[in-house]
Amino acid sequence: MTAEQYLAARLRQALAEDPRTTELGVRVTVRGDHVLLSGDVASPERRAELEAVIHDVAPELTVLDDVKVVPSDAPVGREEIR
C-alpha cells in the first residue's frame, strides 16, 4: 500500500467513526495534497460535516467535494406493482 492509500483508509475510518458523520458510503481518494470525496448523502448539513471531519483529521489537505445531496423524503402517493 502507498502512503496515499493509508491516508485514504485513515480518513474513511474517521468518517465512519466520528459521531458527526458515521458515514460508510462516501468514497475517499487521496492524490498528493488533495482529497476527493464522492458519493451521496441525505442533507447539506451532512455534506458539510464530512468536510469538517476531514479538516480535523488532515488540515493540510485540500478537500475536493463531489458529494451529492439526495433527499430521502418519504414517498408521495401509492406505488403500484404489477
N, C-alpha and C. Protein backbone atom coordinates (compact mmCIF):
# COMPACT_ATOMS: atom_id res chain seq x y z
N MET A 1 0.84 -1.18 0.00
CA MET A 1 0.00 0.00 0.00
C MET A 1 0.89 1.25 0.00
N THR A 2 0.41 2.27 -0.69
CA THR A 2 1.15 3.52 -0.73
C THR A 2 0.73 4.41 0.44
N ALA A 3 1.48 5.47 0.67
CA ALA A 3 1.15 6.42 1.74
C ALA A 3 -0.22 7.05 1.49
N GLU A 4 -0.55 7.33 0.22
CA GLU A 4 -1.87 7.92 -0.10
C GLU A 4 -2.99 6.95 0.24
N GLN A 5 -2.78 5.66 -0.02
CA GLN A 5 -3.80 4.67 0.29
C GLN A 5 -4.01 4.53 1.79
N TYR A 6 -2.92 4.58 2.56
CA TYR A 6 -3.04 4.53 4.02
C TYR A 6 -3.80 5.75 4.54
N LEU A 7 -3.48 6.91 4.01
CA LEU A 7 -4.16 8.13 4.43
C LEU A 7 -5.64 8.07 4.07
N ALA A 8 -5.97 7.60 2.88
CA ALA A 8 -7.37 7.48 2.47
C ALA A 8 -8.11 6.52 3.40
N ALA A 9 -7.46 5.43 3.78
CA ALA A 9 -8.09 4.48 4.71
C ALA A 9 -8.31 5.11 6.08
N ARG A 10 -7.35 5.90 6.55
CA ARG A 10 -7.49 6.59 7.82
C ARG A 10 -8.64 7.59 7.78
N LEU A 11 -8.78 8.31 6.65
CA LEU A 11 -9.87 9.27 6.50
C LEU A 11 -11.23 8.58 6.42
N ARG A 12 -11.29 7.46 5.70
CA ARG A 12 -12.55 6.68 5.64
C ARG A 12 -12.95 6.22 7.03
N GLN A 13 -11.97 5.76 7.81
CA GLN A 13 -12.24 5.31 9.17
C GLN A 13 -12.74 6.47 10.02
N ALA A 14 -12.14 7.63 9.87
CA ALA A 14 -12.58 8.80 10.63
C ALA A 14 -14.02 9.16 10.29
N LEU A 15 -14.38 9.11 9.00
CA LEU A 15 -15.76 9.42 8.60
C LEU A 15 -16.74 8.40 9.16
N ALA A 16 -16.32 7.14 9.26
CA ALA A 16 -17.18 6.09 9.77
C ALA A 16 -17.36 6.19 11.29
N GLU A 17 -16.30 6.59 12.00
CA GLU A 17 -16.33 6.55 13.46
C GLU A 17 -16.72 7.87 14.11
N ASP A 18 -16.60 8.98 13.41
CA ASP A 18 -16.93 10.27 14.00
C ASP A 18 -18.44 10.37 14.19
N PRO A 19 -18.90 10.74 15.39
CA PRO A 19 -20.35 10.82 15.63
C PRO A 19 -21.07 11.86 14.78
N ARG A 20 -20.34 12.82 14.23
CA ARG A 20 -20.97 13.82 13.37
C ARG A 20 -21.38 13.23 12.03
N THR A 21 -20.68 12.18 11.60
CA THR A 21 -20.93 11.65 10.26
C THR A 21 -21.37 10.20 10.25
N THR A 22 -20.70 9.33 10.96
CA THR A 22 -20.94 7.87 10.92
C THR A 22 -21.26 7.42 9.49
N GLU A 23 -20.42 7.82 8.57
CA GLU A 23 -20.68 7.64 7.14
C GLU A 23 -19.81 6.53 6.56
N LEU A 24 -20.46 5.54 5.95
CA LEU A 24 -19.75 4.44 5.31
C LEU A 24 -19.80 4.50 3.79
N GLY A 25 -20.70 5.28 3.24
CA GLY A 25 -20.93 5.25 1.81
C GLY A 25 -20.20 6.29 0.98
N VAL A 26 -19.33 7.07 1.59
CA VAL A 26 -18.62 8.10 0.85
C VAL A 26 -17.24 7.58 0.47
N ARG A 27 -16.89 7.76 -0.80
CA ARG A 27 -15.57 7.33 -1.28
C ARG A 27 -14.55 8.43 -1.01
N VAL A 28 -13.36 8.00 -0.62
CA VAL A 28 -12.27 8.92 -0.30
C VAL A 28 -11.07 8.55 -1.15
N THR A 29 -10.58 9.50 -1.93
CA THR A 29 -9.40 9.29 -2.76
C THR A 29 -8.39 10.40 -2.47
N VAL A 30 -7.16 10.01 -2.18
CA VAL A 30 -6.11 10.99 -1.89
C VAL A 30 -5.13 11.00 -3.06
N ARG A 31 -4.85 12.21 -3.54
CA ARG A 31 -3.86 12.44 -4.61
C ARG A 31 -3.00 13.62 -4.19
N GLY A 32 -1.78 13.34 -3.78
CA GLY A 32 -0.90 14.42 -3.34
C GLY A 32 -1.48 15.11 -2.12
N ASP A 33 -1.69 16.41 -2.21
CA ASP A 33 -2.24 17.15 -1.07
C ASP A 33 -3.73 17.46 -1.25
N HIS A 34 -4.40 16.65 -2.08
CA HIS A 34 -5.85 16.80 -2.30
C HIS A 34 -6.57 15.51 -1.89
N VAL A 35 -7.76 15.68 -1.35
CA VAL A 35 -8.61 14.53 -1.06
C VAL A 35 -9.94 14.75 -1.77
N LEU A 36 -10.38 13.76 -2.53
CA LEU A 36 -11.65 13.82 -3.25
C LEU A 36 -12.67 13.00 -2.49
N LEU A 37 -13.78 13.63 -2.14
CA LEU A 37 -14.91 12.95 -1.53
C LEU A 37 -16.00 12.80 -2.58
N SER A 38 -16.55 11.60 -2.70
CA SER A 38 -17.63 11.39 -3.66
C SER A 38 -18.63 10.40 -3.10
N GLY A 39 -19.87 10.54 -3.53
CA GLY A 39 -20.95 9.68 -3.07
C GLY A 39 -22.21 10.49 -2.86
N ASP A 40 -23.13 9.94 -2.09
CA ASP A 40 -24.43 10.57 -1.84
C ASP A 40 -24.66 10.67 -0.34
N VAL A 41 -25.25 11.79 0.08
CA VAL A 41 -25.69 11.97 1.47
C VAL A 41 -27.11 12.53 1.47
N ALA A 42 -27.75 12.52 2.64
CA ALA A 42 -29.16 12.89 2.72
C ALA A 42 -29.40 14.38 2.94
N SER A 43 -28.36 15.15 3.33
CA SER A 43 -28.61 16.56 3.61
C SER A 43 -27.36 17.40 3.38
N PRO A 44 -27.56 18.71 3.15
CA PRO A 44 -26.41 19.61 3.03
C PRO A 44 -25.59 19.67 4.32
N GLU A 45 -26.26 19.52 5.47
CA GLU A 45 -25.55 19.54 6.75
C GLU A 45 -24.58 18.36 6.85
N ARG A 46 -25.04 17.20 6.42
CA ARG A 46 -24.17 16.01 6.45
C ARG A 46 -22.96 16.22 5.54
N ARG A 47 -23.19 16.80 4.39
CA ARG A 47 -22.10 17.08 3.45
C ARG A 47 -21.07 18.00 4.09
N ALA A 48 -21.52 19.04 4.77
CA ALA A 48 -20.60 19.97 5.43
C ALA A 48 -19.84 19.28 6.55
N GLU A 49 -20.50 18.38 7.28
CA GLU A 49 -19.84 17.65 8.36
C GLU A 49 -18.72 16.75 7.82
N LEU A 50 -18.92 16.18 6.64
CA LEU A 50 -17.86 15.35 6.04
C LEU A 50 -16.59 16.17 5.87
N GLU A 51 -16.73 17.37 5.31
CA GLU A 51 -15.57 18.23 5.12
C GLU A 51 -14.95 18.62 6.45
N ALA A 52 -15.78 18.89 7.46
CA ALA A 52 -15.27 19.28 8.78
C ALA A 52 -14.42 18.16 9.39
N VAL A 53 -14.89 16.93 9.27
CA VAL A 53 -14.13 15.80 9.81
C VAL A 53 -12.79 15.66 9.10
N ILE A 54 -12.80 15.77 7.78
CA ILE A 54 -11.55 15.68 7.01
C ILE A 54 -10.59 16.78 7.45
N HIS A 55 -11.08 18.00 7.60
CA HIS A 55 -10.23 19.11 8.02
C HIS A 55 -9.68 18.89 9.43
N ASP A 56 -10.46 18.26 10.31
CA ASP A 56 -9.98 17.98 11.66
C ASP A 56 -8.86 16.94 11.65
N VAL A 57 -9.00 15.92 10.81
CA VAL A 57 -8.03 14.82 10.78
C VAL A 57 -6.79 15.18 9.96
N ALA A 58 -6.99 15.87 8.85
CA ALA A 58 -5.87 16.19 7.94
C ALA A 58 -6.00 17.62 7.44
N PRO A 59 -5.72 18.61 8.30
CA PRO A 59 -5.92 20.01 7.91
C PRO A 59 -5.03 20.48 6.76
N GLU A 60 -3.98 19.74 6.48
CA GLU A 60 -3.07 20.12 5.40
C GLU A 60 -3.62 19.77 4.01
N LEU A 61 -4.68 18.99 3.94
CA LEU A 61 -5.24 18.58 2.65
C LEU A 61 -6.29 19.56 2.15
N THR A 62 -6.34 19.71 0.84
CA THR A 62 -7.40 20.48 0.19
C THR A 62 -8.52 19.50 -0.17
N VAL A 63 -9.74 19.80 0.25
CA VAL A 63 -10.88 18.91 0.01
C VAL A 63 -11.55 19.29 -1.29
N LEU A 64 -11.69 18.31 -2.17
CA LEU A 64 -12.48 18.45 -3.40
C LEU A 64 -13.75 17.66 -3.16
N ASP A 65 -14.86 18.35 -3.08
CA ASP A 65 -16.13 17.75 -2.66
C ASP A 65 -17.02 17.48 -3.86
N ASP A 66 -17.19 16.20 -4.18
CA ASP A 66 -18.08 15.79 -5.25
C ASP A 66 -19.27 15.00 -4.66
N VAL A 67 -19.57 15.25 -3.40
CA VAL A 67 -20.67 14.56 -2.73
C VAL A 67 -21.98 15.22 -3.13
N LYS A 68 -22.95 14.40 -3.50
CA LYS A 68 -24.25 14.90 -3.93
C LYS A 68 -25.27 14.73 -2.81
N VAL A 69 -26.14 15.71 -2.67
CA VAL A 69 -27.22 15.64 -1.69
C VAL A 69 -28.43 15.02 -2.37
N VAL A 70 -28.85 13.88 -1.85
CA VAL A 70 -30.00 13.16 -2.37
C VAL A 70 -31.02 13.05 -1.25
N PRO A 71 -32.06 13.89 -1.28
CA PRO A 71 -33.04 13.87 -0.19
C PRO A 71 -33.67 12.49 -0.03
N SER A 72 -33.93 12.14 1.20
CA SER A 72 -34.55 10.84 1.47
C SER A 72 -35.93 11.04 2.06
N ASP A 73 -36.72 11.87 1.39
CA ASP A 73 -38.08 12.14 1.84
C ASP A 73 -38.95 10.90 1.66
N ALA A 74 -40.01 10.87 2.41
CA ALA A 74 -40.96 9.78 2.28
C ALA A 74 -41.63 9.84 0.90
N PRO A 75 -41.96 8.69 0.33
CA PRO A 75 -42.62 8.70 -0.97
C PRO A 75 -43.98 9.38 -0.91
N VAL A 76 -44.35 9.99 -2.03
CA VAL A 76 -45.64 10.66 -2.13
C VAL A 76 -46.56 9.78 -2.95
N GLY A 77 -47.74 9.50 -2.44
CA GLY A 77 -48.70 8.68 -3.17
C GLY A 77 -48.41 7.20 -3.03
N ARG A 78 -49.15 6.44 -3.82
CA ARG A 78 -49.01 4.98 -3.79
C ARG A 78 -48.17 4.51 -4.94
N GLU A 79 -47.44 3.46 -4.72
CA GLU A 79 -46.70 2.81 -5.80
C GLU A 79 -47.45 1.55 -6.17
N GLU A 80 -47.73 1.42 -7.47
CA GLU A 80 -48.42 0.24 -7.95
C GLU A 80 -47.43 -0.76 -8.51
N ILE A 81 -47.50 -1.98 -8.02
CA ILE A 81 -46.63 -3.04 -8.52
C ILE A 81 -47.49 -3.97 -9.35
N ARG A 82 -47.06 -4.20 -10.57
CA ARG A 82 -47.85 -5.07 -11.46
C ARG A 82 -47.12 -6.33 -11.74
